[in-house]
Amino acid sequence: MYGWIFRHLPGPLWLRIITAIALLLVVIYALMEYAFPHFEQYSPFNTDVTIDQVH
């Protein structure tokens, strides 16, 4: 699938590499901002742990 995407990007090799990196960053940003917070409530690691400070 990644090869298919890379082959269909326009331009010379250096431009395709830059475009592929930009697309990867956009996907990571979208996951971090929208997808992961939505599914956080279903995570088994979602523990609200507080540590009391001893004075």
PDB file of N, CA and C in Angstrom:
ATOM      1  N   MET A   1       0.827  -1.190   0.000  1.00  0.00           N
ATOM      2  CA  MET A   1       0.000   0.000   0.000  1.00  0.00           C
ATOM      3  C   MET A   1       0.873   1.255   0.000  1.00  0.00           C
ATOM      4  N   TYR A   2       1.949   1.261   0.792  1.00  0.00           N
ATOM      5  CA  TYR A   2       2.803   2.443   0.830  1.00  0.00           C
ATOM      6  C   TYR A   2       3.505   2.653  -0.503  1.00  0.00           C
ATOM      7  N   GLY A   3       3.870   1.556  -1.146  1.00  0.00           N
ATOM      8  CA  GLY A   3       4.478   1.666  -2.471  1.00  0.00           C
ATOM      9  C   GLY A   3       3.512   2.239  -3.486  1.00  0.00           C
ATOM     10  N   TRP A   4       2.256   1.844  -3.395  1.00  0.00           N
ATOM     11  CA  TRP A   4       1.242   2.366  -4.306  1.00  0.00           C
ATOM     12  C   TRP A   4       1.088   3.868  -4.122  1.00  0.00           C
ATOM     13  N   ILE A   5       1.033   4.307  -2.858  1.00  0.00           N
ATOM     14  CA  ILE A   5       0.911   5.743  -2.576  1.00  0.00           C
ATOM     15  C   ILE A   5       2.132   6.484  -3.098  1.00  0.00           C
ATOM     16  N   PHE A   6       3.324   5.940  -2.815  1.00  0.00           N
ATOM     17  CA  PHE A   6       4.558   6.608  -3.223  1.00  0.00           C
ATOM     18  C   PHE A   6       4.662   6.700  -4.747  1.00  0.00           C
ATOM     19  N   ARG A   7       4.246   5.657  -5.455  1.00  0.00           N
ATOM     20  CA  ARG A   7       4.305   5.687  -6.919  1.00  0.00           C
ATOM     21  C   ARG A   7       3.326   6.686  -7.523  1.00  0.00           C
ATOM     22  N   HIS A   8       2.240   6.999  -6.820  1.00  0.00           N
ATOM     23  CA  HIS A   8       1.229   7.903  -7.374  1.00  0.00           C
ATOM     24  C   HIS A   8       1.427   9.358  -6.951  1.00  0.00           C
ATOM     25  N   LEU A   9       2.443   9.634  -6.166  1.00  0.00           N
ATOM     26  CA  LEU A   9       2.739  11.030  -5.823  1.00  0.00           C
ATOM     27  C   LEU A   9       3.403  11.690  -7.020  1.00  0.00           C
ATOM     28  N   PRO A  10       3.074  12.962  -7.258  1.00  0.00           N
ATOM     29  CA  PRO A  10       3.645  13.647  -8.429  1.00  0.00           C
ATOM     30  C   PRO A  10       5.059  14.158  -8.158  1.00  0.00           C
ATOM     31  N   GLY A  11       5.798  14.381  -9.225  1.00  0.00           N
ATOM     32  CA  GLY A  11       7.082  15.048  -9.136  1.00  0.00           C
ATOM     33  C   GLY A  11       8.269  14.112  -9.098  1.00  0.00           C
ATOM     34  N   PRO A  12       9.448  14.720  -9.020  1.00  0.00           N
ATOM     35  CA  PRO A  12      10.671  13.926  -8.950  1.00  0.00           C
ATOM     36  C   PRO A  12      10.824  13.265  -7.571  1.00  0.00           C
ATOM     37  N   LEU A  13      11.847  12.451  -7.444  1.00  0.00           N
ATOM     38  CA  LEU A  13      12.036  11.655  -6.228  1.00  0.00           C
ATOM     39  C   LEU A  13      12.122  12.526  -4.980  1.00  0.00           C
ATOM     40  N   TRP A  14      12.880  13.615  -5.022  1.00  0.00           N
ATOM     41  CA  TRP A  14      13.042  14.441  -3.824  1.00  0.00           C
ATOM     42  C   TRP A  14      11.720  15.063  -3.392  1.00  0.00           C
ATOM     43  N   LEU A  15      10.871  15.416  -4.358  1.00  0.00           N
ATOM     44  CA  LEU A  15       9.569  16.001  -4.033  1.00  0.00           C
ATOM     45  C   LEU A  15       8.623  14.940  -3.472  1.00  0.00           C
ATOM     46  N   ARG A  16       8.695  13.723  -4.015  1.00  0.00           N
ATOM     47  CA  ARG A  16       7.863  12.646  -3.487  1.00  0.00           C
ATOM     48  C   ARG A  16       8.249  12.292  -2.059  1.00  0.00           C
ATOM     49  N   ILE A  17       9.541  12.332  -1.758  1.00  0.00           N
ATOM     50  CA  ILE A  17       9.987  12.045  -0.387  1.00  0.00           C
ATOM     51  C   ILE A  17       9.464  13.099   0.575  1.00  0.00           C
ATOM     52  N   ILE A  18       9.563  14.358   0.207  1.00  0.00           N
ATOM     53  CA  ILE A  18       9.069  15.449   1.054  1.00  0.00           C
ATOM     54  C   ILE A  18       7.549  15.342   1.225  1.00  0.00           C
ATOM     55  N   THR A  19       6.845  15.045   0.146  1.00  0.00           N
ATOM     56  CA  THR A  19       5.388  14.903   0.211  1.00  0.00           C
ATOM     57  C   THR A  19       4.989  13.720   1.082  1.00  0.00           C
ATOM     58  N   ALA A  20       5.710  12.605   0.964  1.00  0.00           N
ATOM     59  CA  ALA A  20       5.413  11.429   1.781  1.00  0.00           C
ATOM     60  C   ALA A  20       5.640  11.724   3.263  1.00  0.00           C
ATOM     61  N   ILE A  21       6.697  12.441   3.598  1.00  0.00           N
ATOM     62  CA  ILE A  21       6.955  12.817   4.992  1.00  0.00           C
ATOM     63  C   ILE A  21       5.862  13.746   5.498  1.00  0.00           C
ATOM     64  N   ALA A  22       5.450  14.704   4.672  1.00  0.00           N
ATOM     65  CA  ALA A  22       4.385  15.624   5.077  1.00  0.00           C
ATOM     66  C   ALA A  22       3.072  14.871   5.303  1.00  0.00           C
ATOM     67  N   LEU A  23       2.753  13.924   4.428  1.00  0.00           N
ATOM     68  CA  LEU A  23       1.540  13.132   4.606  1.00  0.00           C
ATOM     69  C   LEU A  23       1.603  12.302   5.886  1.00  0.00           C
ATOM     70  N   LEU A  24       2.766  11.740   6.169  1.00  0.00           N
ATOM     71  CA  LEU A  24       2.946  10.965   7.395  1.00  0.00           C
ATOM     72  C   LEU A  24       2.746  11.835   8.628  1.00  0.00           C
ATOM     73  N   LEU A  25       3.277  13.045   8.606  1.00  0.00           N
ATOM     74  CA  LEU A  25       3.102  13.966   9.733  1.00  0.00           C
ATOM     75  C   LEU A  25       1.639  14.366   9.916  1.00  0.00           C
ATOM     76  N   VAL A  26       0.926  14.558   8.827  1.00  0.00           N
ATOM     77  CA  VAL A  26      -0.496  14.902   8.905  1.00  0.00           C
ATOM     78  C   VAL A  26      -1.290  13.748   9.517  1.00  0.00           C
ATOM     79  N   VAL A  27      -0.972  12.528   9.117  1.00  0.00           N
ATOM     80  CA  VAL A  27      -1.672  11.370   9.672  1.00  0.00           C
ATOM     81  C   VAL A  27      -1.376  11.231  11.160  1.00  0.00           C
ATOM     82  N   ILE A  28      -0.132  11.397  11.564  1.00  0.00           N
ATOM     83  CA  ILE A  28       0.226  11.315  12.979  1.00  0.00           C
ATOM     84  C   ILE A  28      -0.477  12.404  13.778  1.00  0.00           C
ATOM     85  N   TYR A  29      -0.507  13.616  13.250  1.00  0.00           N
ATOM     86  CA  TYR A  29      -1.195  14.713  13.932  1.00  0.00           C
ATOM     87  C   TYR A  29      -2.685  14.413  14.100  1.00  0.00           C
ATOM     88  N   ALA A  30      -3.306  13.916  13.035  1.00  0.00           N
ATOM     89  CA  ALA A  30      -4.736  13.617  13.112  1.00  0.00           C
ATOM     90  C   ALA A  30      -5.015  12.514  14.130  1.00  0.00           C
ATOM     91  N   LEU A  31      -4.171  11.496  14.188  1.00  0.00           N
ATOM     92  CA  LEU A  31      -4.355  10.447  15.176  1.00  0.00           C
ATOM     93  C   LEU A  31      -4.210  10.982  16.593  1.00  0.00           C
ATOM     94  N   MET A  32      -3.194  11.796  16.821  1.00  0.00           N
ATOM     95  CA  MET A  32      -2.953  12.320  18.169  1.00  0.00           C
ATOM     96  C   MET A  32      -4.049  13.292  18.620  1.00  0.00           C
ATOM     97  N   GLU A  33      -4.591  14.062  17.704  1.00  0.00           N
ATOM     98  CA  GLU A  33      -5.572  15.072  18.071  1.00  0.00           C
ATOM     99  C   GLU A  33      -7.009  14.554  18.116  1.00  0.00           C
ATOM    100  N   TYR A  34      -7.337  13.605  17.259  1.00  0.00           N
ATOM    101  CA  TYR A  34      -8.732  13.203  17.133  1.00  0.00           C
ATOM    102  C   TYR A  34      -8.994  11.740  17.482  1.00  0.00           C
ATOM    103  N   ALA A  35      -8.205  10.835  16.944  1.00  0.00           N
ATOM    104  CA  ALA A  35      -8.506   9.411  17.122  1.00  0.00           C
ATOM    105  C   ALA A  35      -8.140   8.915  18.513  1.00  0.00           C
ATOM    106  N   PHE A  36      -6.916   9.155  18.951  1.00  0.00           N
ATOM    107  CA  PHE A  36      -6.482   8.618  20.233  1.00  0.00           C
ATOM    108  C   PHE A  36      -7.259   9.175  21.419  1.00  0.00           C
ATOM    109  N   PRO A  37      -7.561  10.477  21.475  1.00  0.00           N
ATOM    110  CA  PRO A  37      -8.387  10.947  22.594  1.00  0.00           C
ATOM    111  C   PRO A  37      -9.791  10.328  22.600  1.00  0.00           C
ATOM    112  N   HIS A  38     -10.311  10.039  21.437  1.00  0.00           N
ATOM    113  CA  HIS A  38     -11.644   9.432  21.367  1.00  0.00           C
ATOM    114  C   HIS A  38     -11.641   8.020  21.948  1.00  0.00           C
ATOM    115  N   PHE A  39     -10.587   7.258  21.693  1.00  0.00           N
ATOM    116  CA  PHE A  39     -10.503   5.877  22.149  1.00  0.00           C
ATOM    117  C   PHE A  39      -9.827   5.737  23.511  1.00  0.00           C
ATOM    118  N   GLU A  40      -9.440   6.842  24.122  1.00  0.00           N
ATOM    119  CA  GLU A  40      -8.760   6.784  25.420  1.00  0.00           C
ATOM    120  C   GLU A  40      -9.654   6.178  26.502  1.00  0.00           C
ATOM    121  N   GLN A  41     -10.929   6.422  26.434  1.00  0.00           N
ATOM    122  CA  GLN A  41     -11.838   5.911  27.460  1.00  0.00           C
ATOM    123  C   GLN A  41     -11.927   4.390  27.435  1.00  0.00           C
ATOM    124  N   TYR A  42     -11.573   3.760  26.338  1.00  0.00           N
ATOM    125  CA  TYR A  42     -11.622   2.301  26.225  1.00  0.00           C
ATOM    126  C   TYR A  42     -10.285   1.635  26.555  1.00  0.00           C
ATOM    127  N   SER A  43      -9.268   2.431  26.845  1.00  0.00           N
ATOM    128  CA  SER A  43      -7.935   1.900  27.099  1.00  0.00           C
ATOM    129  C   SER A  43      -7.844   1.276  28.485  1.00  0.00           C
ATOM    130  N   PRO A  44      -7.221   0.095  28.596  1.00  0.00           N
ATOM    131  CA  PRO A  44      -7.057  -0.511  29.921  1.00  0.00           C
ATOM    132  C   PRO A  44      -6.001   0.212  30.748  1.00  0.00           C
ATOM    133  N   PHE A  45      -5.223   1.098  30.135  1.00  0.00           N
ATOM    134  CA  PHE A  45      -4.163   1.808  30.836  1.00  0.00           C
ATOM    135  C   PHE A  45      -4.613   3.180  31.309  1.00  0.00           C
ATOM    136  N   ASN A  46      -5.879   3.460  31.213  1.00  0.00           N
ATOM    137  CA  ASN A  46      -6.417   4.753  31.619  1.00  0.00           C
ATOM    138  C   ASN A  46      -6.695   4.742  33.121  1.00  0.00           C
ATOM    139  N   THR A  47      -5.682   5.016  33.887  1.00  0.00           N
ATOM    140  CA  THR A  47      -5.839   5.046  35.343  1.00  0.00           C
ATOM    141  C   THR A  47      -5.532   6.451  35.817  1.00  0.00           C
ATOM    142  N   ASP A  48      -6.384   6.955  36.650  1.00  0.00           N
ATOM    143  CA  ASP A  48      -6.158   8.270  37.218  1.00  0.00           C
ATOM    144  C   ASP A  48      -5.438   8.091  38.559  1.00  0.00           C
ATOM    145  N   VAL A  49      -4.142   8.134  38.502  1.00  0.00           N
ATOM    146  CA  VAL A  49      -3.341   7.900  39.698  1.00  0.00           C
ATOM    147  C   VAL A  49      -2.831   9.243  40.205  1.00  0.00           C
ATOM    148  N   THR A  50      -3.014   9.451  41.486  1.00  0.00           N
ATOM    149  CA  THR A  50      -2.466  10.640  42.106  1.00  0.00           C
ATOM    150  C   THR A  50      -1.519  10.210  43.216  1.00  0.00           C
ATOM    151  N   ILE A  51      -0.493  10.981  43.397  1.00  0.00           N
ATOM    152  CA  ILE A  51       0.492  10.694  44.441  1.00  0.00           C
ATOM    153  C   ILE A  51       0.436  11.833  45.436  1.00  0.00           C
ATOM    154  N   ASP A  52       0.191  11.493  46.685  1.00  0.00           N
ATOM    155  CA  ASP A  52       0.155  12.513  47.732  1.00  0.00           C
ATOM    156  C   ASP A  52       1.572  12.917  48.102  1.00  0.00           C
ATOM    157  N   GLN A  53       1.742  14.208  48.279  1.00  0.00           N
ATOM    158  CA  GLN A  53       3.062  14.689  48.699  1.00  0.00           C
ATOM    159  C   GLN A  53       3.126  14.677  50.230  1.00  0.00           C
ATOM    160  N   VAL A  54       4.228  14.180  50.738  1.00  0.00           N
ATOM    161  CA  VAL A  54       4.447  14.151  52.181  1.00  0.00           C
ATOM    162  C   VAL A  54       5.305  15.353  52.541  1.00  0.00           C
ATOM    163  N   HIS A  55       4.804  16.145  53.499  1.00  0.00           N
ATOM    164  CA  HIS A  55       5.566  17.334  53.904  1.00  0.00           C
ATOM    165  C   HIS A  55       6.331  17.061  55.151  1.00  0.00           C
TER     166      HIS A  55
END
